[in-house]
C-alpha atoms as a PDB file:
ATOM      1  CA  MET A   1     -54.510  78.762 157.682  1.00  0.00           C
ATOM      2  CA  ARG A   2     -53.043  82.178 158.593  1.00  0.00           C
ATOM      3  CA  ASN A   3     -55.950  82.952 160.828  1.00  0.00           C
ATOM      4  CA  ALA A   4     -55.458  79.597 162.684  1.00  0.00           C
ATOM      5  CA  ILE A   5     -51.787  80.386 163.282  1.00  0.00           C
ATOM      6  CA  PHE A   6     -52.512  83.909 164.388  1.00  0.00           C
ATOM      7  CA  LEU A   7     -55.196  82.566 166.823  1.00  0.00           C
ATOM      8  CA  ALA A   8     -52.817  79.998 168.212  1.00  0.00           C
ATOM      9  CA  LEU A   9     -50.168  82.672 168.743  1.00  0.00           C
ATOM     10  CA  ILE A  10     -52.623  84.891 170.529  1.00  0.00           C
ATOM     11  CA  LEU A  11     -53.862  82.048 172.815  1.00  0.00           C
ATOM     12  CA  VAL A  12     -50.242  81.060 173.663  1.00  0.00           C
ATOM     13  CA  LEU A  13     -49.247  84.689 174.542  1.00  0.00           C
ATOM     14  CA  PHE A  14     -52.330  85.631 176.503  1.00  0.00           C
ATOM     15  CA  MET A  15     -53.063  82.371 178.322  1.00  0.00           C
ATOM     16  CA  PRO A  16     -49.755  81.246 179.755  1.00  0.00           C
ATOM     17  CA  ALA A  17     -49.493  78.331 182.131  1.00  0.00           C
ATOM     18  CA  PRO A  18     -48.070  78.953 185.571  1.00  0.00           C
ATOM     19  CA  ALA A  19     -44.279  78.659 185.603  1.00  0.00           C
ATOM     20  CA  HIS A  20     -43.668  78.055 189.325  1.00  0.00           C
ATOM     21  CA  ALA A  21     -40.310  79.812 188.881  1.00  0.00           C
ATOM     22  CA  TYR A  22     -38.204  81.867 191.278  1.00  0.00           C
ATOM     23  CA  LEU A  23     -36.953  85.309 190.229  1.00  0.00           C
ATOM     24  CA  ASP A  24     -34.207  86.461 192.497  1.00  0.00           C
ATOM     25  CA  ALA A  25     -33.000  90.055 192.859  1.00  0.00           C
ATOM     26  CA  GLY A  26     -30.138  89.554 190.370  1.00  0.00           C
ATOM     27  CA  THR A  27     -32.613  88.548 187.597  1.00  0.00           C
ATOM     28  CA  ILE A  28     -34.845  91.527 188.274  1.00  0.00           C
ATOM     29  CA  GLY A  29     -31.818  93.888 188.409  1.00  0.00           C
ATOM     30  CA  MET A  30     -30.600  92.545 185.020  1.00  0.00           C
ATOM     31  CA  VAL A  31     -34.034  93.053 183.425  1.00  0.00           C
ATOM     32  CA  PHE A  32     -34.165  96.568 184.889  1.00  0.00           C
ATOM     33  CA  GLN A  33     -30.678  97.321 183.357  1.00  0.00           C
ATOM     34  CA  VAL A  34     -31.720  96.047 179.964  1.00  0.00           C
ATOM     35  CA  ILE A  35     -34.833  98.175 179.985  1.00  0.00           C
ATOM     36  CA  LEU A  36     -32.940 101.245 181.244  1.00  0.00           C
ATOM     37  CA  GLY A  37     -30.185 100.690 178.701  1.00  0.00           C
ATOM     38  CA  GLY A  38     -32.752 100.520 175.922  1.00  0.00           C
ATOM     39  CA  ILE A  39     -34.253 103.786 177.022  1.00  0.00           C
ATOM     40  CA  VAL A  40     -30.937 105.546 177.299  1.00  0.00           C
ATOM     41  CA  GLY A  41     -29.860 104.099 173.965  1.00  0.00           C
ATOM     42  CA  PHE A  42     -32.972 105.448 172.296  1.00  0.00           C
ATOM     43  CA  ILE A  43     -32.426 108.862 173.848  1.00  0.00           C
ATOM     44  CA  VAL A  44     -28.818 108.923 172.563  1.00  0.00           C
ATOM     45  CA  TRP A  45     -29.959 107.826 169.127  1.00  0.00           C
ATOM     46  CA  VAL A  46     -32.531 110.611 168.966  1.00  0.00           C
ATOM     47  CA  LYS A  47     -29.936 113.136 170.165  1.00  0.00           C
ATOM     48  CA  PHE A  48     -27.531 112.187 167.387  1.00  0.00           C
ATOM     49  CA  HIS A  49     -30.196 111.990 164.631  1.00  0.00           C
ATOM     50  CA  TRP A  50     -32.503 114.812 165.714  1.00  0.00           C
ATOM     51  CA  GLN A  51     -31.113 117.366 163.265  1.00  0.00           C
ATOM     52  CA  GLY A  52     -31.739 115.046 160.276  1.00  0.00           C
ATOM     53  CA  VAL A  53     -35.190 114.198 161.387  1.00  0.00           C
ATOM     54  CA  LYS A  54     -36.022 117.888 161.987  1.00  0.00           C
ATOM     55  CA  ASN A  55     -34.614 118.801 158.476  1.00  0.00           C
ATOM     56  CA  PHE A  56     -36.773 116.005 156.937  1.00  0.00           C
ATOM     57  CA  LEU A  57     -39.908 117.181 158.719  1.00  0.00           C
ATOM     58  CA  ILE A  58     -39.292 120.879 157.755  1.00  0.00           C
ATOM     59  CA  SER A  59     -38.704 119.919 154.093  1.00  0.00           C
ATOM     60  CA  GLN A  60     -41.945 117.911 154.086  1.00  0.00           C
ATOM     61  CA  TYR A  61     -43.861 120.822 155.664  1.00  0.00           C
ATOM     62  CA  LYS A  62     -42.434 123.286 153.085  1.00  0.00           C
ATOM     63  CA  ARG A  63     -43.251 120.932 150.226  1.00  0.00           C
ATOM     64  CA  GLN A  64     -46.769 120.484 151.447  1.00  0.00           C
ATOM     65  CA  ASN A  65     -47.305 124.256 151.725  1.00  0.00           C
ATOM     66  CA  GLN A  66     -45.942 124.759 148.211  1.00  0.00           C
ATOM     67  CA  ILE A  67     -48.478 122.380 146.748  1.00  0.00           C
ATOM     68  CA  LYS A  68     -51.419 124.395 148.179  1.00  0.00           C
END
């Protein structure tokens, strides 16, 4: 049953029917802004949390070297 649902989902995603829709410049600009905002948001998140991530990785590295 799960395989059938997965297969149906794959078929729907990778074999779409033609939409015959018009995308004007405003729509493309909005999509571009959403993508750019996501990238900038991720960069800001990394900037604010980098010290914690770096400390975690250093502690894991030290712990792994102490075991050996």
